[in-house]
């Protein structure tokens, strides 16, 4: 069951969908956005075995602050034996993920539906 929620901030919407917590990043993800997102990201990744999807589909700009958010999420999910998926189709963001090697650790999927249907395995 999908539960829609209003954005928690202008940079983030959080909702539950098919047993996953979906963190949908919005707009420009820079240092100001990251500061607002971190508390919600930490809350979502705090329970044991969290099932998280980070959806970057609505992102227009993504800098090193956004990369730090993804590494933080991955680290927290790994520490709790959870599952993390990433949705991203924005070419400049995909290029950044490839250049820093994050796309190998957290392979981006093209749609939210793909991420929610993906077979469960712990984040690597």
Protein backbone atom coordinates (compact mmCIF):
# COMPACT_ATOMS: atom_id res chain seq x y z
CA UNK A 1 0.00 0.00 0.00
CA UNK A 2 1.29 3.42 -0.93
CA UNK A 3 1.02 6.27 1.53
CA UNK A 4 1.63 9.76 0.13
CA UNK A 5 2.94 12.52 2.33
CA UNK A 6 3.57 16.18 1.77
CA UNK A 7 7.21 17.19 1.52
CA UNK A 8 8.95 17.38 4.91
CA UNK A 9 11.03 20.16 3.47
CA UNK A 10 11.38 21.65 0.04
CA UNK A 11 14.11 19.05 -0.56
CA UNK A 12 12.51 15.83 0.69
CA UNK A 13 9.32 13.79 0.66
CA UNK A 14 9.14 10.57 2.73
CA UNK A 15 6.51 7.88 2.29
CA UNK A 16 5.93 4.18 2.80
CA UNK A 17 5.42 2.02 -0.28
CA UNK A 18 5.29 -1.79 -0.41
CA UNK A 19 7.16 -2.19 2.86
CA UNK A 20 9.91 0.29 1.94
CA UNK A 21 10.60 3.78 3.17
CA UNK A 22 10.96 5.96 0.07
CA UNK A 23 13.06 9.09 0.47
CA UNK A 24 12.34 11.25 -2.56
CA UNK A 25 14.92 14.02 -2.92
CA UNK A 26 13.54 17.16 -4.57
CA UNK A 27 15.08 19.99 -6.58
CA UNK A 28 18.66 21.02 -5.90
CA UNK A 29 20.61 18.81 -3.52
CA UNK A 30 23.42 20.97 -2.20
CA UNK A 31 24.82 21.71 1.27
CA UNK A 32 21.67 23.55 2.41
CA UNK A 33 19.46 20.67 1.26
CA UNK A 34 21.74 18.08 2.86
CA UNK A 35 21.53 19.83 6.24
CA UNK A 36 17.73 19.59 6.09
CA UNK A 37 17.70 15.99 4.83
CA UNK A 38 20.18 14.41 7.30
CA UNK A 39 17.80 14.16 10.31
CA UNK A 40 15.12 12.45 8.19
CA UNK A 41 17.66 10.16 6.55
CA UNK A 42 19.02 9.17 9.96
CA UNK A 43 15.52 8.49 11.31
CA UNK A 44 14.62 6.35 8.29
CA UNK A 45 17.82 4.31 8.53
CA UNK A 46 17.78 3.89 12.33
CA UNK A 47 15.57 0.77 12.73
CA UNK A 48 17.01 -2.72 12.37
CA UNK A 49 17.00 -4.05 8.79
CA UNK A 50 15.63 -0.89 7.17
CA UNK A 51 14.25 -1.19 3.64
CA UNK A 52 15.08 2.13 1.98
CA UNK A 53 14.69 3.50 -1.52
CA UNK A 54 16.28 6.85 -2.35
CA UNK A 55 14.55 8.33 -5.37
CA UNK A 56 16.56 11.02 -7.19
CA UNK A 57 14.10 11.27 -10.11
CA UNK A 58 12.95 14.82 -9.24
CA UNK A 59 16.53 16.06 -8.63
CA UNK A 60 17.70 18.93 -10.86
CA UNK A 61 21.15 19.46 -9.31
CA UNK A 62 23.31 17.12 -7.23
CA UNK A 63 26.69 18.00 -5.73
CA UNK A 64 29.16 16.44 -3.27
CA UNK A 65 26.71 17.06 -0.43
CA UNK A 66 24.27 14.72 -2.15
CA UNK A 67 27.00 12.11 -2.54
CA UNK A 68 27.70 12.33 1.19
CA UNK A 69 24.00 11.69 1.86
CA UNK A 70 24.09 8.55 -0.29
CA UNK A 71 27.27 7.26 1.38
CA UNK A 72 25.75 8.01 4.79
CA UNK A 73 22.55 6.13 3.93
CA UNK A 74 24.51 3.18 2.56
CA UNK A 75 26.74 3.00 5.63
CA UNK A 76 23.82 3.17 8.07
CA UNK A 77 21.79 0.57 6.15
CA UNK A 78 24.79 -1.80 5.95
CA UNK A 79 25.39 -1.45 9.69
CA UNK A 80 21.78 -2.53 10.34
CA UNK A 81 21.63 -5.41 7.80
CA UNK A 82 19.12 -3.52 5.70
CA UNK A 83 18.41 -3.04 2.03
CA UNK A 84 19.03 0.15 0.05
CA UNK A 85 18.08 0.91 -3.55
CA UNK A 86 18.69 4.02 -5.61
CA UNK A 87 16.52 5.42 -8.40
CA UNK A 88 18.22 7.84 -10.78
CA UNK A 89 17.89 8.70 -14.48
CA UNK A 90 19.24 12.28 -14.50
CA UNK A 91 22.30 12.13 -16.84
CA UNK A 92 24.50 14.65 -14.95
CA UNK A 93 23.80 12.90 -11.63
CA UNK A 94 24.45 9.47 -13.16
CA UNK A 95 27.76 10.78 -14.50
CA UNK A 96 28.79 11.95 -11.01
CA UNK A 97 27.80 8.58 -9.51
CA UNK A 98 29.94 6.79 -12.11
CA UNK A 99 32.96 9.09 -11.73
CA UNK A 100 33.15 8.58 -7.95
CA UNK A 101 32.42 4.86 -8.19
CA UNK A 102 29.19 4.96 -6.22
CA UNK A 103 27.25 3.45 -9.11
CA UNK A 104 29.17 0.20 -8.54
CA UNK A 105 28.28 0.14 -4.84
CA UNK A 106 24.72 1.33 -5.29
CA UNK A 107 23.59 0.60 -8.85
CA UNK A 108 20.98 3.14 -9.96
CA UNK A 109 17.65 1.79 -11.17
CA UNK A 110 15.53 3.59 -13.78
CA UNK A 111 12.18 3.64 -11.93
CA UNK A 112 10.74 3.54 -8.45
CA UNK A 113 8.73 0.48 -9.43
CA UNK A 114 11.97 -1.32 -10.37
CA UNK A 115 13.44 -0.48 -6.97
CA UNK A 116 10.35 -1.67 -5.10
CA UNK A 117 10.23 -4.94 -7.08
CA UNK A 118 13.97 -5.63 -6.84
CA UNK A 119 14.82 -8.86 -5.02
CA UNK A 120 15.91 -8.15 -1.47
CA UNK A 121 19.55 -8.51 -0.61
CA UNK A 122 21.53 -6.59 1.98
CA UNK A 123 23.28 -3.43 0.80
CA UNK A 124 26.88 -4.12 -0.07
